[in-house]
Amino acid sequence: MKYQDLKSYNTPKGFRGKSGIIVQLWRIVYVVLFRNSPQALYGWRRFLLRCFGATVGKKVIIRPTAQITYPWKLVLGDYCWIGDEVALYTLGPITVGANAVVSQRSYLCTGTHDYHSPSFAIEAHPITIGEKCWIATDVYVAPGVSIGDGTVVGARSSVFKNLPAGKICTGTPAIIIKDRIE
C-alpha cells in the first residue's frame, strides 16, 4: 500500500497569493510590529493588516497574539473581535462577519492535504463565520465550513460541517443543541 511520498510534494504556484518576498515581509512585520504592539493599539494592527491587503471593517478588535498566516486572504467585518491566540490559518480565504466574536485560542483552519494523493497535495477551502456569531474559547473550525449568522459554537467544540443560522451548537463534532433566541 502506498501512502504519501513527501519528496514529490510541491506547493502549487501562486498558492500563497503573493510573492515569497511579500510573504516574508509580512512575517517580519507580524513578529516585530504586530505581535509586539501594546494591547490597546487596535487601530495600529488594523492599519498593518490593511497594508498587507486584508479587508478590515470599522472598530475591529484584534489582539496582538492573534496569528494570521496571509492577511491578504482575510476579511473582518465591522466591530468584530478576534481574541488572544486565535489562529487564522488563511491558506484560503477567511471571512468573519460584522459583530462576530472569535474567542481566545480558537483555530480557523482553511488548509488541508489530499491524503489520497501520493504527493500529499495541499488544498485550501474558505471559511465563513456569519454576522453576530460567537465562536467560544478553543473552537476548531475545519476547511470549507460556513457558520450561519447569529450562531454560537460552545467552548472546545470542533466544527467539521456547515452550521445553520441562529443556533447554539457544541461538541466534537459540533451538533445543534437549540435555537438562539433574540
C-alpha atoms as a PDB file:
ATOM      1  CA  MET A   1       0.000   0.000   0.000  1.00  0.00           C
ATOM      2  CA  LYS A   2       1.397   3.399  -0.943  1.00  0.00           C
ATOM      3  CA  TYR A   3       0.796   6.441   1.212  1.00  0.00           C
ATOM      4  CA  GLN A   4       2.252   9.917   0.801  1.00  0.00           C
ATOM      5  CA  ASP A   5       5.722  10.292  -0.632  1.00  0.00           C
ATOM      6  CA  LEU A   6       6.783  13.749   0.544  1.00  0.00           C
ATOM      7  CA  LYS A   7       9.761  14.037  -1.788  1.00  0.00           C
ATOM      8  CA  SER A   8       7.196  14.550  -4.565  1.00  0.00           C
ATOM      9  CA  TYR A   9       5.354  17.351  -2.720  1.00  0.00           C
ATOM     10  CA  ASN A  10       5.230  20.794  -4.360  1.00  0.00           C
ATOM     11  CA  THR A  11       3.344  23.866  -3.225  1.00  0.00           C
ATOM     12  CA  PRO A  12       1.307  24.972  -6.261  1.00  0.00           C
ATOM     13  CA  LYS A  13       2.468  28.150  -7.971  1.00  0.00           C
ATOM     14  CA  GLY A  14       0.540  31.140  -6.618  1.00  0.00           C
ATOM     15  CA  PHE A  15      -0.920  29.150  -3.702  1.00  0.00           C
ATOM     16  CA  ARG A  16       0.165  31.756  -1.135  1.00  0.00           C
ATOM     17  CA  GLY A  17      -1.410  34.569  -3.142  1.00  0.00           C
ATOM     18  CA  LYS A  18       1.651  36.853  -3.031  1.00  0.00           C
ATOM     19  CA  SER A  19       5.347  36.586  -3.832  1.00  0.00           C
ATOM     20  CA  GLY A  20       7.783  34.961  -1.435  1.00  0.00           C
ATOM     21  CA  ILE A  21       9.212  38.397  -0.678  1.00  0.00           C
ATOM     22  CA  ILE A  22       5.806  39.746   0.432  1.00  0.00           C
ATOM     23  CA  VAL A  23       5.158  36.596   2.483  1.00  0.00           C
ATOM     24  CA  GLN A  24       8.481  37.036   4.304  1.00  0.00           C
ATOM     25  CA  LEU A  25       7.962  40.780   4.719  1.00  0.00           C
ATOM     26  CA  TRP A  26       4.598  40.060   6.389  1.00  0.00           C
ATOM     27  CA  ARG A  27       6.285  37.582   8.747  1.00  0.00           C
ATOM     28  CA  ILE A  28       8.811  40.245   9.802  1.00  0.00           C
ATOM     29  CA  VAL A  29       6.144  42.933  10.221  1.00  0.00           C
ATOM     30  CA  TYR A  30       3.962  40.477  12.144  1.00  0.00           C
ATOM     31  CA  VAL A  31       6.737  39.490  14.587  1.00  0.00           C
ATOM     32  CA  VAL A  32       8.235  42.958  15.093  1.00  0.00           C
ATOM     33  CA  LEU A  33       5.302  45.379  14.755  1.00  0.00           C
ATOM     34  CA  PHE A  34       2.044  43.451  15.124  1.00  0.00           C
ATOM     35  CA  ARG A  35       2.714  40.846  17.811  1.00  0.00           C
ATOM     36  CA  ASN A  36       4.798  43.200  19.965  1.00  0.00           C
ATOM     37  CA  SER A  37       2.313  46.078  19.833  1.00  0.00           C
ATOM     38  CA  PRO A  38       0.635  47.137  23.092  1.00  0.00           C
ATOM     39  CA  GLN A  39      -2.774  45.581  23.735  1.00  0.00           C
ATOM     40  CA  ALA A  40      -4.710  48.843  23.250  1.00  0.00           C
ATOM     41  CA  LEU A  41      -3.288  49.621  19.773  1.00  0.00           C
ATOM     42  CA  TYR A  42      -6.154  48.038  17.839  1.00  0.00           C
ATOM     43  CA  GLY A  43      -6.020  50.781  15.199  1.00  0.00           C
ATOM     44  CA  TRP A  44      -2.326  50.083  14.596  1.00  0.00           C
ATOM     45  CA  ARG A  45      -2.966  46.385  13.991  1.00  0.00           C
ATOM     46  CA  ARG A  46      -5.920  47.188  11.704  1.00  0.00           C
ATOM     47  CA  PHE A  47      -3.584  49.514   9.753  1.00  0.00           C
ATOM     48  CA  LEU A  48      -0.886  46.838   9.411  1.00  0.00           C
ATOM     49  CA  LEU A  49      -3.390  44.254   8.200  1.00  0.00           C
ATOM     50  CA  ARG A  50      -4.811  46.689   5.638  1.00  0.00           C
ATOM     51  CA  CYS A  51      -1.282  47.492   4.420  1.00  0.00           C
ATOM     52  CA  PHE A  52      -0.938  43.801   3.559  1.00  0.00           C
ATOM     53  CA  GLY A  53      -4.275  43.537   1.760  1.00  0.00           C
ATOM     54  CA  ALA A  54      -6.702  42.445   4.480  1.00  0.00           C
ATOM     55  CA  THR A  55     -10.210  43.864   4.368  1.00  0.00           C
ATOM     56  CA  VAL A  56     -10.782  45.169   7.884  1.00  0.00           C
ATOM     57  CA  GLY A  57     -14.002  46.858   8.949  1.00  0.00           C
ATOM     58  CA  LYS A  58     -14.634  49.674  11.403  1.00  0.00           C
ATOM     59  CA  LYS A  59     -13.502  49.327  15.023  1.00  0.00           C
ATOM     60  CA  VAL A  60     -12.340  45.715  14.678  1.00  0.00           C
ATOM     61  CA  ILE A  61     -10.683  44.497  17.867  1.00  0.00           C
ATOM     62  CA  ILE A  62      -7.826  42.124  17.145  1.00  0.00           C
ATOM     63  CA  ARG A  63      -5.446  41.091  19.899  1.00  0.00           C
ATOM     64  CA  PRO A  64      -1.690  41.241  19.319  1.00  0.00           C
ATOM     65  CA  THR A  65      -1.326  37.497  19.965  1.00  0.00           C
ATOM     66  CA  ALA A  66      -3.694  36.567  17.117  1.00  0.00           C
ATOM     67  CA  GLN A  67      -1.882  34.694  14.333  1.00  0.00           C
ATOM     68  CA  ILE A  68      -2.625  35.496  10.700  1.00  0.00           C
ATOM     69  CA  THR A  69      -0.856  33.479   8.010  1.00  0.00           C
ATOM     70  CA  TYR A  70      -1.702  35.564   4.917  1.00  0.00           C
ATOM     71  CA  PRO A  71      -3.594  38.792   5.677  1.00  0.00           C
ATOM     72  CA  TRP A  72      -4.480  39.348   2.001  1.00  0.00           C
ATOM     73  CA  LYS A  73      -6.878  36.371   2.355  1.00  0.00           C
ATOM     74  CA  LEU A  74      -8.675  37.810   5.390  1.00  0.00           C
ATOM     75  CA  VAL A  75     -11.962  39.753   5.636  1.00  0.00           C
ATOM     76  CA  LEU A  76     -13.026  41.090   9.042  1.00  0.00           C
ATOM     77  CA  GLY A  77     -16.439  42.775   9.273  1.00  0.00           C
ATOM     78  CA  ASP A  78     -17.227  45.920  11.239  1.00  0.00           C
ATOM     79  CA  TYR A  79     -16.951  45.660  15.033  1.00  0.00           C
ATOM     80  CA  CYS A  80     -15.848  42.011  15.079  1.00  0.00           C
ATOM     81  CA  TRP A  81     -13.481  40.757  17.783  1.00  0.00           C
ATOM     82  CA  ILE A  82     -10.544  38.388  17.350  1.00  0.00           C
ATOM     83  CA  GLY A  83      -9.284  37.133  20.722  1.00  0.00           C
ATOM     84  CA  ASP A  84      -5.915  36.242  22.193  1.00  0.00           C
ATOM     85  CA  GLU A  85      -4.002  33.424  20.498  1.00  0.00           C
ATOM     86  CA  VAL A  86      -6.640  32.918  17.803  1.00  0.00           C
ATOM     87  CA  ALA A  87      -5.074  31.238  14.758  1.00  0.00           C
ATOM     88  CA  LEU A  88      -6.429  32.396  11.401  1.00  0.00           C
ATOM     89  CA  TYR A  89      -4.708  29.895   9.110  1.00  0.00           C
ATOM     90  CA  THR A  90      -5.515  31.711   5.879  1.00  0.00           C
ATOM     91  CA  LEU A  91      -4.174  29.357   3.251  1.00  0.00           C
ATOM     92  CA  GLY A  92      -7.616  30.025   1.799  1.00  0.00           C
ATOM     93  CA  PRO A  93      -9.983  32.920   2.481  1.00  0.00           C
ATOM     94  CA  ILE A  94     -11.433  33.513   5.935  1.00  0.00           C
ATOM     95  CA  THR A  95     -14.384  35.871   6.369  1.00  0.00           C
ATOM     96  CA  VAL A  96     -15.604  36.902   9.814  1.00  0.00           C
ATOM     97  CA  GLY A  97     -18.871  38.842   9.705  1.00  0.00           C
ATOM     98  CA  ALA A  98     -19.765  42.098  11.420  1.00  0.00           C
ATOM     99  CA  ASN A  99     -20.266  41.949  15.197  1.00  0.00           C
ATOM    100  CA  ALA A 100     -18.920  38.377  15.352  1.00  0.00           C
ATOM    101  CA  VAL A 101     -16.592  37.178  18.117  1.00  0.00           C
ATOM    102  CA  VAL A 102     -13.845  34.591  17.702  1.00  0.00           C
ATOM    103  CA  SER A 103     -12.691  33.887  21.252  1.00  0.00           C
ATOM    104  CA  GLN A 104      -9.234  33.080  22.566  1.00  0.00           C
ATOM    105  CA  ARG A 105      -7.269  30.083  21.328  1.00  0.00           C
ATOM    106  CA  SER A 106      -9.741  29.218  18.572  1.00  0.00           C
ATOM    107  CA  TYR A 107      -8.277  27.824  15.358  1.00  0.00           C
ATOM    108  CA  LEU A 108      -9.805  28.551  11.944  1.00  0.00           C
ATOM    109  CA  CYS A 109      -8.017  26.250   9.505  1.00  0.00           C
ATOM    110  CA  THR A 110      -8.559  26.627   5.747  1.00  0.00           C
ATOM    111  CA  GLY A 111      -5.749  24.255   4.738  1.00  0.00           C
ATOM    112  CA  THR A 112      -5.560  20.510   4.405  1.00  0.00           C
ATOM    113  CA  HIS A 113      -3.858  17.838   2.309  1.00  0.00           C
ATOM    114  CA  ASP A 114      -5.291  15.263  -0.057  1.00  0.00           C
ATOM    115  CA  TYR A 115      -4.339  12.034   1.714  1.00  0.00           C
ATOM    116  CA  HIS A 116      -5.185  10.067  -1.473  1.00  0.00           C
ATOM    117  CA  SER A 117      -2.524  11.979  -3.401  1.00  0.00           C
ATOM    118  CA  PRO A 118       0.935  10.387  -3.485  1.00  0.00           C
ATOM    119  CA  SER A 119       2.411  13.908  -3.406  1.00  0.00           C
ATOM    120  CA  PHE A 120       0.192  14.827  -0.388  1.00  0.00           C
ATOM    121  CA  ALA A 121      -1.210  17.739  -2.422  1.00  0.00           C
ATOM    122  CA  ILE A 122      -2.122  20.814  -0.400  1.00  0.00           C
ATOM    123  CA  GLU A 123      -5.636  22.262  -0.628  1.00  0.00           C
ATOM    124  CA  ALA A 124      -7.366  25.353   0.699  1.00  0.00           C
ATOM    125  CA  HIS A 125     -11.091  25.745   1.350  1.00  0.00           C
ATOM    126  CA  PRO A 126     -12.666  29.015   2.569  1.00  0.00           C
ATOM    127  CA  ILE A 127     -14.208  29.516   5.998  1.00  0.00           C
ATOM    128  CA  THR A 128     -17.097  31.908   6.594  1.00  0.00           C
ATOM    129  CA  ILE A 129     -18.227  32.991  10.044  1.00  0.00           C
ATOM    130  CA  GLY A 130     -21.537  34.846   9.776  1.00  0.00           C
ATOM    131  CA  GLU A 131     -22.534  38.115  11.370  1.00  0.00           C
ATOM    132  CA  LYS A 132     -23.229  38.191  15.116  1.00  0.00           C
ATOM    133  CA  CYS A 133     -21.753  34.726  15.680  1.00  0.00           C
ATOM    134  CA  TRP A 134     -19.849  33.786  18.784  1.00  0.00           C
ATOM    135  CA  ILE A 135     -17.101  31.224  18.379  1.00  0.00           C
ATOM    136  CA  ALA A 136     -16.259  30.493  22.028  1.00  0.00           C
ATOM    137  CA  THR A 137     -12.898  29.548  23.556  1.00  0.00           C
ATOM    138  CA  ASP A 138     -10.693  26.938  21.873  1.00  0.00           C
ATOM    139  CA  VAL A 139     -13.006  26.052  18.984  1.00  0.00           C
ATOM    140  CA  TYR A 140     -11.627  24.333  15.873  1.00  0.00           C
ATOM    141  CA  VAL A 141     -13.254  25.237  12.542  1.00  0.00           C
ATOM    142  CA  ALA A 142     -12.323  22.938   9.643  1.00  0.00           C
ATOM    143  CA  PRO A 143     -11.617  23.868   6.000  1.00  0.00           C
ATOM    144  CA  GLY A 144     -14.665  24.723   3.909  1.00  0.00           C
ATOM    145  CA  VAL A 145     -17.034  25.362   6.831  1.00  0.00           C
ATOM    146  CA  SER A 146     -19.666  28.121   6.920  1.00  0.00           C
ATOM    147  CA  ILE A 147     -21.359  29.118  10.161  1.00  0.00           C
ATOM    148  CA  GLY A 148     -24.663  30.956   9.763  1.00  0.00           C
ATOM    149  CA  ASP A 149     -25.460  34.389  11.168  1.00  0.00           C
ATOM    150  CA  GLY A 150     -26.051  34.546  14.903  1.00  0.00           C
ATOM    151  CA  THR A 151     -24.893  31.014  15.690  1.00  0.00           C
ATOM    152  CA  VAL A 152     -22.971  30.282  18.901  1.00  0.00           C
ATOM    153  CA  VAL A 153     -20.382  27.492  18.974  1.00  0.00           C
ATOM    154  CA  GLY A 154     -19.585  26.375  22.525  1.00  0.00           C
ATOM    155  CA  ALA A 155     -16.118  26.189  24.039  1.00  0.00           C
ATOM    156  CA  ARG A 156     -13.818  23.389  22.941  1.00  0.00           C
ATOM    157  CA  SER A 157     -16.098  22.330  20.095  1.00  0.00           C
ATOM    158  CA  SER A 158     -14.920  21.139  16.686  1.00  0.00           C
ATOM    159  CA  VAL A 159     -16.847  22.201  13.593  1.00  0.00           C
ATOM    160  CA  PHE A 160     -16.432  19.927  10.563  1.00  0.00           C
ATOM    161  CA  LYS A 161     -19.691  20.698   8.710  1.00  0.00           C
ATOM    162  CA  ASN A 162     -21.694  23.832   7.981  1.00  0.00           C
ATOM    163  CA  LEU A 163     -23.885  25.121  10.795  1.00  0.00           C
ATOM    164  CA  PRO A 164     -27.144  26.984  10.100  1.00  0.00           C
ATOM    165  CA  ALA A 165     -28.019  30.469  11.338  1.00  0.00           C
ATOM    166  CA  GLY A 166     -29.455  31.200  14.772  1.00  0.00           C
ATOM    167  CA  LYS A 167     -28.401  28.037  16.613  1.00  0.00           C
ATOM    168  CA  ILE A 168     -26.469  27.059  19.749  1.00  0.00           C
ATOM    169  CA  CYS A 169     -24.016  24.290  18.876  1.00  0.00           C
ATOM    170  CA  THR A 170     -21.477  22.349  20.896  1.00  0.00           C
ATOM    171  CA  GLY A 171     -19.397  19.194  20.907  1.00  0.00           C
ATOM    172  CA  THR A 172     -16.942  17.294  18.761  1.00  0.00           C
ATOM    173  CA  PRO A 173     -18.246  17.183  16.161  1.00  0.00           C
ATOM    174  CA  ALA A 174     -20.427  20.208  16.871  1.00  0.00           C
ATOM    175  CA  ILE A 175     -24.154  19.481  16.838  1.00  0.00           C
ATOM    176  CA  ILE A 176     -27.158  21.767  17.195  1.00  0.00           C
ATOM    177  CA  ILE A 177     -28.384  21.920  20.795  1.00  0.00           C
ATOM    178  CA  LYS A 178     -31.138  24.528  20.464  1.00  0.00           C
ATOM    179  CA  ASP A 179     -32.199  27.743  18.798  1.00  0.00           C
ATOM    180  CA  ARG A 180     -30.570  31.011  19.800  1.00  0.00           C
ATOM    181  CA  ILE A 181     -33.385  33.283  20.891  1.00  0.00           C
ATOM    182  CA  GLU A 182     -33.026  37.043  20.337  1.00  0.00           C
END
